[in-house]
């Protein structure tokens, strides 16, 4: 007969991904207060509640391998609160009034990680208990069995239900039984959390299966220095393989799971789904010698039972290469100025089987392995000249597809040059000359995109029949690409031509700028 547990917390259906209850500890001490609150009826005596509550701490101590210590207590007696009008009034009305009553009874609520409210049964509430996945509260609707408290407290740790499906091959049309797992307390059993849940809580070791081979998985019920779960990641879902020993379970379990493994599927929404890996609906145990395959993705076969462990042979059956990555930048054949430091970018490759395992970027014949999260690569400055690149998508099964080969050319910079005389720019032609008064003048040469430490040479020539260079000076560009020329000798009035030549650096193409100044005496 199916164990009657509270229907799932309504909050469970509101969370789209497996969360972590941020403020509820998963290790160390977990302090729980069960508040007995009533508006008249009393579902049990405090002693009866405390008897059931006493079963909770040992259960968590055993299933967590003493990594979580539950310290639970009840109020000494029933606290009186105003009656609630129905299920919709529980949160926040009942919570608020119960908390006020607790404070009035001198309880320091900050001492507790989880508050559980046990109250007389509210007829229109379709559950025996429910809990928040993140906020650290539980509601017990007139029910207080130890199994129920364990179940709801697990929700407070951030766990969803352990579901099951009669499907032997998963599809979106598969029926899912919300409490279908016959072994897990988060399903229809009273056994320890499944391997997926224990792994999420950080209580066990795992082996991440990435290559064909044989892997060992130890039992879930006792501490182990070996991996107690195998994890397999594919494009569509995560799979978890675990093993239970019936003789180590806290209560008798049927069917006996000892002679094989259990396979769970999780696609990132709520709790894991126990698959009918045994070959027929609700035959969940994958026995020694039988193979379970996700078609054209992978297969697992338990091959031997060794003590409390099971050896599992794994093989990728995906033979379809991923789609080719699409190069985005730089465009094929583009000419790039060397100061731009091009970033190689590509769009994700499409892979629906085993899932992408990574990329191999080949630049000028050198291959760089990259994780699947990287779809861009920056080397820094490329040498001048032609370059080629391509990117290969590699799936977890080792299938590979390479993009089109791309090329680009890195050329020298051709910097823009400006000459500023104070706040004004003087024209580059005689007709556009500017007029300055004084015995001399200063100016600044500004460049755009010229590398730091490039050299600029200026020449001042006076028109005297023809153009006669009076003097020249050199400077190195500063950190912002400028060079100031301020300490010039006294200059005779007349028409002057200022020429700035930028060069002297292997990264820069020569560039020049001229400006004309009509200098008159003060």
Protein backbone atom coordinates (compact mmCIF):
# COMPACT_ATOMS: atom_id res chain seq x y z
CA UNK A 1 0.00 0.00 0.00
CA UNK A 2 1.32 3.42 -0.92
CA UNK A 3 2.54 5.43 2.03
CA UNK A 4 0.40 8.53 2.46
CA UNK A 5 2.60 11.57 2.65
CA UNK A 6 1.74 15.22 2.24
CA UNK A 7 1.02 16.29 -1.26
CA UNK A 8 3.89 18.33 -2.64
CA UNK A 9 4.35 21.84 -1.44
CA UNK A 10 2.57 24.17 -3.78
CA UNK A 11 5.79 26.15 -3.83
CA UNK A 12 7.54 23.25 -5.55
CA UNK A 13 5.58 23.79 -8.73
CA UNK A 14 6.57 27.43 -8.80
CA UNK A 15 10.32 26.87 -9.03
CA UNK A 16 11.67 26.14 -12.49
CA UNK A 17 15.08 24.76 -11.51
CA UNK A 18 16.59 22.79 -8.66
CA UNK A 19 17.38 25.56 -6.15
CA UNK A 20 19.56 25.73 -3.12
CA UNK A 21 17.83 26.97 0.00
CA UNK A 22 20.35 29.71 0.66
CA UNK A 23 19.77 30.18 4.41
CA UNK A 24 19.18 26.55 5.42
CA UNK A 25 22.44 24.75 6.22
CA UNK A 26 23.23 21.46 4.44
CA UNK A 27 26.09 20.64 6.81
CA UNK A 28 26.62 21.17 10.51
CA UNK A 29 23.67 22.01 12.73
CA UNK A 30 20.14 22.51 11.40
CA UNK A 31 17.88 23.96 14.08
CA UNK A 32 14.15 23.33 13.71
CA UNK A 33 11.30 24.69 15.81
CA UNK A 34 7.89 23.02 15.55
CA UNK A 35 5.33 25.58 16.67
CA UNK A 36 2.12 23.99 18.01
CA UNK A 37 -0.54 26.58 17.20
CA UNK A 38 -4.30 26.27 17.46
CA UNK A 39 -7.54 28.18 17.54
CA UNK A 40 -9.17 25.41 19.61
CA UNK A 41 -8.64 21.83 18.38
CA UNK A 42 -5.40 20.09 19.28
CA UNK A 43 -4.32 17.35 16.82
CA UNK A 44 -2.07 15.68 19.41
CA UNK A 45 -0.38 16.17 22.72
CA UNK A 46 3.03 17.82 22.74
CA UNK A 47 4.52 14.51 23.89
CA UNK A 48 3.10 12.66 20.87
CA UNK A 49 4.57 15.24 18.51
CA UNK A 50 7.92 15.07 20.29
CA UNK A 51 7.95 11.28 19.92
CA UNK A 52 7.62 11.57 16.13
CA UNK A 53 10.08 14.43 16.00
CA UNK A 54 12.65 12.28 17.80
CA UNK A 55 12.76 10.02 14.70
CA UNK A 56 13.88 12.87 12.45
CA UNK A 57 17.36 13.61 13.76
CA UNK A 58 18.62 9.98 13.57
CA UNK A 59 17.24 9.66 10.04
CA UNK A 60 19.16 12.72 8.82
CA UNK A 61 22.26 11.73 10.74
CA UNK A 62 22.29 8.37 8.95
CA UNK A 63 21.42 9.56 5.46
CA UNK A 64 23.88 12.50 5.60
CA UNK A 65 26.67 10.32 7.06
CA UNK A 66 26.66 12.61 10.11
CA UNK A 67 27.27 15.68 7.97
CA UNK A 68 23.93 17.26 8.99
CA UNK A 69 22.83 17.31 12.62
CA UNK A 70 19.15 18.15 13.08
CA UNK A 71 18.30 19.75 16.42
CA UNK A 72 14.52 19.89 16.64
CA UNK A 73 12.19 21.01 19.41
CA UNK A 74 8.55 21.87 19.90
CA UNK A 75 6.82 24.53 21.89
CA UNK A 76 6.03 23.15 25.38
CA UNK A 77 2.31 23.49 24.75
CA UNK A 78 -0.22 24.74 22.23
CA UNK A 79 -0.17 28.46 21.50
CA UNK A 80 -3.48 30.10 20.74
CA UNK A 81 -3.84 32.11 17.54
CA UNK A 82 -6.88 33.51 15.70
CA UNK A 83 -8.66 30.97 13.46
CA UNK A 84 -7.82 30.94 9.76
CA UNK A 85 -10.57 31.25 7.18
CA UNK A 86 -9.11 28.67 4.80
CA UNK A 87 -6.03 27.39 3.04
CA UNK A 88 -5.38 30.71 1.31
CA UNK A 89 -4.95 32.34 4.72
CA UNK A 90 -2.04 30.20 5.85
CA UNK A 91 0.71 32.25 4.22
CA UNK A 92 1.20 34.86 5.45
CA UNK A 93 -1.68 35.20 7.95
CA UNK A 94 -1.08 32.05 9.98
CA UNK A 95 2.70 32.50 9.76
CA UNK A 96 2.48 36.05 11.07
CA UNK A 97 0.14 35.29 13.94
CA UNK A 98 2.09 32.16 14.90
CA UNK A 99 5.37 34.11 14.89
CA UNK A 100 3.79 36.78 17.07
CA UNK A 101 2.64 34.10 19.52
CA UNK A 102 6.12 32.58 19.57
CA UNK A 103 7.71 35.92 20.33
CA UNK A 104 5.14 36.45 23.04
CA UNK A 105 6.23 33.13 24.54
CA UNK A 106 9.85 34.40 24.57
CA UNK A 107 11.12 32.36 21.63
CA UNK A 108 14.07 33.88 19.79
CA UNK A 109 13.12 33.04 16.21
CA UNK A 110 16.54 34.02 14.89
CA UNK A 111 17.96 30.89 16.56
CA UNK A 112 16.13 28.58 14.16
CA UNK A 113 16.88 27.73 10.54
CA UNK A 114 13.45 26.26 9.88
CA UNK A 115 10.10 26.99 11.50
CA UNK A 116 7.40 24.35 11.20
CA UNK A 117 3.80 25.28 11.98
CA UNK A 118 1.62 22.39 13.18
CA UNK A 119 -2.04 23.45 13.26
CA UNK A 120 -5.50 21.82 13.31
CA UNK A 121 -6.44 20.36 9.95
CA UNK A 122 -7.77 22.93 7.49
CA UNK A 123 -10.27 21.03 5.37
CA UNK A 124 -9.77 22.87 2.08
CA UNK A 125 -5.98 22.38 2.09
CA UNK A 126 -5.18 19.41 -0.22
CA UNK A 127 -2.01 18.44 1.64
CA UNK A 128 -0.79 17.03 4.90
CA UNK A 129 2.30 19.20 4.77
CA UNK A 130 4.16 21.60 2.55
CA UNK A 131 7.38 23.57 2.73
CA UNK A 132 9.18 26.41 1.07
CA UNK A 133 12.15 25.44 -1.02
CA UNK A 134 14.02 28.60 -0.08
CA UNK A 135 12.46 30.44 2.84
CA UNK A 136 12.86 27.99 5.74
CA UNK A 137 9.23 27.30 6.71
CA UNK A 138 7.02 24.21 6.84
CA UNK A 139 3.26 23.78 7.29
CA UNK A 140 1.88 20.62 8.91
CA UNK A 141 -1.85 20.42 8.29
CA UNK A 142 -2.89 18.40 11.32
CA UNK A 143 -0.32 15.68 10.43
CA UNK A 144 2.99 15.09 12.24
CA UNK A 145 4.32 11.63 11.40
CA UNK A 146 8.10 11.41 11.38
CA UNK A 147 8.15 10.46 7.67
CA UNK A 148 6.19 13.58 6.83
CA UNK A 149 8.47 15.85 8.84
CA UNK A 150 11.54 14.31 7.16
CA UNK A 151 9.95 14.81 3.74
CA UNK A 152 9.03 18.44 4.32
CA UNK A 153 12.34 19.24 5.98
CA UNK A 154 14.05 17.92 2.84
CA UNK A 155 12.05 20.46 0.84
CA UNK A 156 13.51 23.11 3.16
CA UNK A 157 16.95 21.87 2.10
CA UNK A 158 15.98 22.69 -1.47
CA UNK A 159 14.96 19.21 -2.68
CA UNK A 160 12.07 18.46 -5.03
CA UNK A 161 10.23 15.15 -5.21
CA UNK A 162 11.83 11.98 -6.50
CA UNK A 163 9.62 11.15 -9.43
CA UNK A 164 9.33 8.08 -11.67
CA UNK A 165 8.04 7.17 -15.11
CA UNK A 166 6.72 3.91 -16.59
CA UNK A 167 8.50 4.80 -19.85
CA UNK A 168 11.44 2.64 -20.85
CA UNK A 169 12.54 5.24 -23.41
CA UNK A 170 12.06 8.85 -22.36
CA UNK A 171 10.04 11.28 -24.45
CA UNK A 172 8.10 14.43 -23.77
CA UNK A 173 4.90 12.37 -23.77
CA UNK A 174 5.99 10.18 -20.86
CA UNK A 175 3.71 10.05 -17.84
CA UNK A 176 5.49 11.12 -14.66
CA UNK A 177 4.41 9.96 -11.20
CA UNK A 178 5.24 12.80 -8.81
CA UNK A 179 5.92 10.37 -5.94
CA UNK A 180 6.87 7.37 -8.07
CA UNK A 181 10.31 6.52 -6.64
CA UNK A 182 9.61 3.52 -4.36
CA UNK A 183 12.92 3.89 -2.48
CA UNK A 184 13.38 7.60 -1.71
CA UNK A 185 11.66 9.48 1.10
CA UNK A 186 11.08 12.24 -1.45
CA UNK A 187 9.04 9.73 -3.43
CA UNK A 188 7.02 6.78 -2.13
CA UNK A 189 9.64 5.24 0.16
CA UNK A 190 11.34 5.98 3.43
CA UNK A 191 14.89 5.25 2.31
CA UNK A 192 17.79 7.66 1.99
CA UNK A 193 17.79 10.36 -0.65
CA UNK A 194 18.69 9.15 -4.11
CA UNK A 195 22.14 9.78 -5.55
CA UNK A 196 21.03 12.91 -7.38
CA UNK A 197 19.75 14.51 -4.17
CA UNK A 198 22.74 13.48 -2.05
CA UNK A 199 25.08 14.85 -4.68
CA UNK A 200 23.21 18.16 -4.76
CA UNK A 201 23.55 18.40 -0.99
CA UNK A 202 27.30 17.74 -1.23
CA UNK A 203 27.22 14.56 0.87
CA UNK A 204 28.73 12.03 -1.55
CA UNK A 205 31.43 11.66 -4.20
CA UNK A 206 30.72 11.12 -7.85
CA UNK A 207 32.40 9.94 -10.99
CA UNK A 208 31.64 12.08 -14.02
CA UNK A 209 31.44 9.65 -16.94
CA UNK A 210 32.93 11.16 -20.09
CA UNK A 211 34.57 8.24 -21.94
CA UNK A 212 33.73 4.64 -22.76
CA UNK A 213 34.80 2.30 -20.00
CA UNK A 214 33.80 0.45 -16.84
CA UNK A 215 33.06 2.43 -13.71
CA UNK A 216 32.29 1.38 -10.15
CA UNK A 217 29.45 2.82 -8.07
CA UNK A 218 29.14 2.09 -4.36
CA UNK A 219 25.95 1.83 -2.24
CA UNK A 220 24.12 4.95 -1.03
CA UNK A 221 23.31 3.89 2.51
CA UNK A 222 26.70 4.06 4.25
CA UNK A 223 29.69 6.43 4.05
CA UNK A 224 32.18 5.51 1.36
CA UNK A 225 35.51 6.77 0.07
CA UNK A 226 34.44 5.62 -3.40
CA UNK A 227 32.06 7.24 -5.84
CA UNK A 228 28.44 6.64 -4.83
CA UNK A 229 26.96 8.00 -8.01
CA UNK A 230 27.84 8.11 -11.71
CA UNK A 231 26.83 11.23 -13.63
CA UNK A 232 26.36 11.43 -17.39
CA UNK A 233 25.72 14.72 -19.16
CA UNK A 234 24.11 14.83 -22.60
CA UNK A 235 22.66 17.54 -24.81
CA UNK A 236 19.13 16.93 -23.55
CA UNK A 237 19.52 15.99 -19.89
CA UNK A 238 21.68 14.85 -16.99
CA UNK A 239 21.61 11.19 -15.96
CA UNK A 240 22.53 9.79 -12.56
CA UNK A 241 23.25 6.13 -11.86
CA UNK A 242 23.19 4.94 -8.25
CA UNK A 243 23.06 1.67 -6.33
CA UNK A 244 21.13 0.63 -3.23
CA UNK A 245 21.72 -2.33 -0.95
CA UNK A 246 18.42 -3.61 0.50
CA UNK A 247 20.16 -4.99 3.58
CA UNK A 248 21.39 -1.48 4.46
CA UNK A 249 18.06 0.30 3.99
CA UNK A 250 16.34 1.55 7.18
CA UNK A 251 13.14 -0.32 6.27
CA UNK A 252 12.35 -3.28 3.98
CA UNK A 253 12.14 -2.22 0.33
CA UNK A 254 10.45 -3.80 -2.67
CA UNK A 255 11.41 -4.56 -5.27
CA UNK A 256 14.91 -5.42 -4.02
CA UNK A 257 17.35 -3.00 -5.72
CA UNK A 258 20.55 -4.78 -4.68
CA UNK A 259 21.38 -6.70 -7.85
CA UNK A 260 21.86 -3.75 -10.19
CA UNK A 261 21.55 0.00 -10.46
CA UNK A 262 18.89 2.70 -10.76
CA UNK A 263 18.98 5.30 -13.53
CA UNK A 264 17.58 8.81 -12.99
CA UNK A 265 17.06 11.54 -15.54
CA UNK A 266 17.03 15.28 -14.78
CA UNK A 267 16.48 17.97 -17.38
CA UNK A 268 16.96 20.95 -15.11
CA UNK A 269 13.34 21.65 -14.18
CA UNK A 270 12.34 20.03 -10.89
CA UNK A 271 13.27 16.74 -9.28
CA UNK A 272 14.92 13.73 -10.93
CA UNK A 273 12.82 11.08 -12.70
CA UNK A 274 13.51 7.40 -12.04
CA UNK A 275 13.45 5.58 -15.38
CA UNK A 276 11.99 2.15 -16.08
CA UNK A 277 15.43 0.91 -17.08
CA UNK A 278 14.55 -2.73 -16.48
CA UNK A 279 12.74 -3.05 -19.78
CA UNK A 280 9.08 -2.88 -18.74
CA UNK A 281 6.88 -0.20 -17.11
CA UNK A 282 7.80 0.42 -13.47
CA UNK A 283 10.60 -2.13 -13.56
CA UNK A 284 13.07 0.40 -12.28
CA UNK A 285 16.00 -1.82 -11.38
CA UNK A 286 18.52 -2.25 -14.19
CA UNK A 287 19.81 -5.73 -13.25
CA UNK A 288 23.28 -7.14 -13.73
CA UNK A 289 23.79 -8.07 -17.39
CA UNK A 290 20.99 -5.97 -18.85
CA UNK A 291 21.71 -2.89 -21.00
CA UNK A 292 19.80 0.37 -20.88
CA UNK A 293 20.27 2.70 -23.82
CA UNK A 294 19.27 6.24 -24.56
CA UNK A 295 18.91 5.64 -28.30
CA UNK A 296 21.81 6.99 -30.34
CA UNK A 297 23.32 8.66 -27.28
CA UNK A 298 24.76 6.17 -24.74
CA UNK A 299 24.29 2.80 -23.08
CA UNK A 300 24.93 1.53 -19.55
CA UNK A 301 25.25 -2.09 -18.48
CA UNK A 302 25.79 -3.30 -14.90
CA UNK A 303 28.32 -6.11 -15.33
CA UNK A 304 29.15 -7.34 -11.83
CA UNK A 305 28.30 -6.88 -8.18
CA UNK A 306 31.46 -6.61 -6.10
CA UNK A 307 30.74 -6.39 -2.38
CA UNK A 308 28.49 -3.38 -1.94
CA UNK A 309 29.50 -1.90 -5.32
CA UNK A 310 28.39 -2.52 -8.87
CA UNK A 311 30.61 -2.30 -11.94
CA UNK A 312 28.90 -0.46 -14.80
CA UNK A 313 30.06 -0.52 -18.41
CA UNK A 314 29.40 2.74 -20.26
CA UNK A 315 29.57 3.42 -24.00
CA UNK A 316 28.65 6.36 -26.19
CA UNK A 317 26.39 5.25 -29.06
CA UNK A 318 26.17 8.69 -30.63
CA UNK A 319 27.66 8.45 -34.13
CA UNK A 320 26.32 11.73 -35.52
CA UNK A 321 28.78 14.63 -35.77
CA UNK A 322 27.70 18.00 -34.38
CA UNK A 323 26.77 20.85 -36.65
CA UNK A 324 29.62 23.00 -37.86
CA UNK A 325 30.41 26.17 -35.88
CA UNK A 326 29.78 29.36 -37.83
CA UNK A 327 32.68 31.84 -37.86
CA UNK A 328 31.47 35.39 -37.21
CA UNK A 329 34.46 37.72 -36.78
CA UNK A 330 36.72 38.72 -38.36
CA UNK A 331 34.97 38.36 -41.70
CA UNK A 332 36.71 36.24 -44.29
CA UNK A 333 39.34 38.18 -46.23
CA UNK A 334 39.03 41.34 -44.10
CA UNK A 335 42.06 43.61 -43.67
CA UNK A 336 42.76 44.41 -40.02
CA UNK A 337 44.93 47.18 -38.67
CA UNK A 338 47.43 45.76 -36.25
CA UNK A 339 46.37 47.99 -33.38
CA UNK A 340 42.87 46.49 -33.42
CA UNK A 341 43.90 43.12 -31.84
CA UNK A 342 41.17 41.08 -33.57
CA UNK A 343 38.95 38.77 -31.50
CA UNK A 344 38.03 35.51 -33.23
CA UNK A 345 34.34 34.77 -32.69
CA UNK A 346 31.96 32.01 -33.78
CA UNK A 347 28.38 30.91 -33.15
CA UNK A 348 27.64 27.79 -31.09
CA UNK A 349 27.56 24.49 -32.92
CA UNK A 350 24.28 22.55 -32.77
CA UNK A 351 24.55 19.18 -31.03
CA UNK A 352 21.50 17.15 -29.96
CA UNK A 353 23.01 13.80 -29.01
CA UNK A 354 25.82 13.37 -26.53
CA UNK A 355 26.21 17.14 -26.30
CA UNK A 356 29.12 19.42 -27.10
CA UNK A 357 32.34 18.55 -25.36
CA UNK A 358 34.38 21.55 -26.48
CA UNK A 359 36.01 23.34 -29.38
CA UNK A 360 39.39 23.14 -31.08
CA UNK A 361 40.47 26.47 -32.52
CA UNK A 362 43.22 26.28 -35.12
CA UNK A 363 45.06 29.54 -35.85
CA UNK A 364 47.92 29.56 -38.34
CA UNK A 365 48.33 25.81 -37.89
CA UNK A 366 48.38 25.83 -34.08
CA UNK A 367 45.40 24.19 -32.32
CA UNK A 368 44.00 25.56 -29.05
CA UNK A 369 41.54 23.34 -27.09
CA UNK A 370 38.70 25.42 -25.61
CA UNK A 371 35.77 24.58 -23.32
CA UNK A 372 32.26 24.56 -24.70
CA UNK A 373 31.52 27.82 -22.89
CA UNK A 374 34.06 29.70 -25.02
CA UNK A 375 32.91 31.01 -28.39
CA UNK A 376 35.57 33.69 -28.76
CA UNK A 377 39.33 33.90 -28.50
CA UNK A 378 41.76 36.77 -28.23
CA UNK A 379 45.47 36.33 -28.76
CA UNK A 380 46.39 39.99 -28.59
CA UNK A 381 48.38 41.57 -31.38
CA UNK A 382 48.85 39.36 -34.43
CA UNK A 383 52.04 39.73 -36.49
CA UNK A 384 51.74 41.71 -39.69
CA UNK A 385 50.67 39.64 -42.67
CA UNK A 386 48.10 36.98 -43.62
CA UNK A 387 46.48 34.69 -41.04
CA UNK A 388 44.04 31.78 -41.24
CA UNK A 389 41.77 30.10 -38.69
CA UNK A 390 39.03 27.53 -38.30
CA UNK A 391 37.14 26.03 -35.38
CA UNK A 392 36.14 22.40 -34.82
CA UNK A 393 33.18 21.34 -32.68
CA UNK A 394 33.79 18.10 -30.75
CA UNK A 395 30.91 16.30 -29.05
CA UNK A 396 31.29 14.18 -25.92
CA UNK A 397 31.30 11.00 -27.99
CA UNK A 398 34.29 12.27 -29.96
CA UNK A 399 32.47 13.13 -33.20
CA UNK A 400 33.80 16.30 -34.81
CA UNK A 401 32.93 18.87 -37.47
CA UNK A 402 35.16 21.72 -38.69
CA UNK A 403 34.01 25.13 -39.89
CA UNK A 404 35.03 26.79 -43.12
CA UNK A 405 38.59 28.08 -43.12
CA UNK A 406 38.73 31.83 -42.61
CA UNK A 407 41.49 34.34 -43.32
CA UNK A 408 42.39 37.94 -42.54
CA UNK A 409 45.35 40.22 -43.12
CA UNK A 410 46.99 42.41 -40.48
CA UNK A 411 48.34 45.66 -41.88
CA UNK A 412 50.31 48.52 -40.41
CA UNK A 413 48.42 51.36 -38.83
CA UNK A 414 48.07 54.53 -40.81
CA UNK A 415 47.48 57.00 -37.99
CA UNK A 416 45.55 60.23 -38.30
CA UNK A 417 47.69 63.25 -37.37
CA UNK A 418 46.55 66.70 -36.17
CA UNK A 419 48.51 69.80 -35.15
CA UNK A 420 46.94 72.03 -32.50
CA UNK A 421 48.07 75.60 -31.84
CA UNK A 422 46.47 76.21 -28.50
CA UNK A 423 42.77 75.76 -29.06
CA UNK A 424 42.82 76.13 -32.83
CA UNK A 425 43.80 73.99 -35.77
CA UNK A 426 45.68 75.69 -38.59
CA UNK A 427 44.83 74.74 -42.12
CA UNK A 428 46.79 72.29 -44.22
CA UNK A 429 46.83 74.73 -47.16
CA UNK A 430 48.18 78.22 -47.56
CA UNK A 431 44.68 79.58 -48.07
CA UNK A 432 43.54 78.05 -44.78
CA UNK A 433 46.41 79.36 -42.70
CA UNK A 434 45.79 80.73 -39.23
CA UNK A 435 47.13 83.99 -37.84
CA UNK A 436 49.14 84.19 -34.67
CA UNK A 437 50.79 87.14 -32.90
CA UNK A 438 54.04 87.01 -30.99
CA UNK A 439 57.69 86.21 -31.22
CA UNK A 440 57.12 82.47 -31.35
CA UNK A 441 54.43 79.82 -30.87
CA UNK A 442 53.99 76.33 -29.49
CA UNK A 443 51.90 73.43 -30.68
CA UNK A 444 50.92 69.82 -29.96
CA UNK A 445 50.93 66.94 -32.41
CA UNK A 446 48.04 64.57 -31.76
CA UNK A 447 47.68 61.13 -33.31
CA UNK A 448 44.82 58.67 -33.36
CA UNK A 449 45.60 54.95 -33.16
CA UNK A 450 49.39 55.34 -33.32
CA UNK A 451 51.16 53.00 -30.87
CA UNK A 452 52.77 54.47 -27.78
CA UNK A 453 56.47 55.34 -28.27
CA UNK A 454 56.14 55.95 -31.98
CA UNK A 455 58.37 58.84 -33.12
CA UNK A 456 57.17 62.15 -34.45
CA UNK A 457 59.47 64.59 -36.30
CA UNK A 458 58.48 68.23 -36.82
CA UNK A 459 60.06 70.73 -39.17
CA UNK A 460 59.47 74.48 -39.24
CA UNK A 461 60.04 76.12 -42.61
CA UNK A 462 59.73 79.82 -43.41
CA UNK A 463 58.67 81.10 -46.77
CA UNK A 464 61.43 83.30 -48.07
CA UNK A 465 61.18 83.09 -51.84
CA UNK A 466 60.97 79.33 -51.36
CA UNK A 467 60.49 77.16 -48.26
CA UNK A 468 63.54 77.07 -46.05
CA UNK A 469 63.67 74.71 -43.06
CA UNK A 470 64.79 76.63 -40.01
CA UNK A 471 65.00 73.73 -37.57
CA UNK A 472 63.52 70.29 -36.77
CA UNK A 473 62.87 68.38 -33.58
CA UNK A 474 61.89 64.83 -32.59
CA UNK A 475 59.73 63.49 -29.80
CA UNK A 476 58.29 60.12 -28.77
CA UNK A 477 54.53 59.98 -28.50
CA UNK A 478 53.28 59.83 -24.92
CA UNK A 479 50.78 57.36 -23.45
CA UNK A 480 47.85 59.03 -25.20
CA UNK A 481 49.60 59.39 -28.55
CA UNK A 482 50.56 63.07 -28.26
CA UNK A 483 53.78 65.06 -28.42
CA UNK A 484 54.08 68.69 -27.26
CA UNK A 485 56.48 71.22 -28.79
CA UNK A 486 56.44 74.28 -26.56
CA UNK A 487 59.98 75.57 -26.15
CA UNK A 488 60.64 76.90 -29.62
CA UNK A 489 63.17 79.65 -30.42
CA UNK A 490 62.13 83.15 -31.37
CA UNK A 491 60.73 83.22 -34.87
CA UNK A 492 60.71 86.02 -37.42
CA UNK A 493 57.32 87.28 -38.51
CA UNK A 494 56.11 85.82 -41.76
CA UNK A 495 54.52 82.69 -43.21
CA UNK A 496 55.58 79.44 -41.57
CA UNK A 497 54.88 75.82 -42.51
CA UNK A 498 54.84 73.25 -39.71
CA UNK A 499 55.24 69.62 -40.86
CA UNK A 500 54.76 66.60 -38.54
CA UNK A 501 55.91 63.16 -39.70
CA UNK A 502 54.93 60.08 -37.66
CA UNK A 503 56.99 56.94 -38.12
CA UNK A 504 59.98 55.17 -36.70
CA UNK A 505 57.90 52.23 -35.41
CA UNK A 506 57.49 48.85 -37.11
CA UNK A 507 53.76 48.88 -36.34
CA UNK A 508 53.04 52.22 -37.94
CA UNK A 509 52.86 53.23 -41.58
CA UNK A 510 54.35 56.65 -42.17
CA UNK A 511 51.92 59.54 -41.83
CA UNK A 512 52.37 63.26 -42.30
CA UNK A 513 50.54 66.49 -41.62
CA UNK A 514 51.27 70.11 -42.51
CA UNK A 515 49.85 73.34 -41.10
CA UNK A 516 50.39 76.97 -42.14
CA UNK A 517 50.82 79.87 -39.73
CA UNK A 518 50.96 83.57 -40.50
CA UNK A 519 53.04 84.96 -37.64
CA UNK A 520 52.99 88.72 -37.03
CA UNK A 521 54.80 90.85 -34.47
CA UNK A 522 53.00 91.77 -31.27
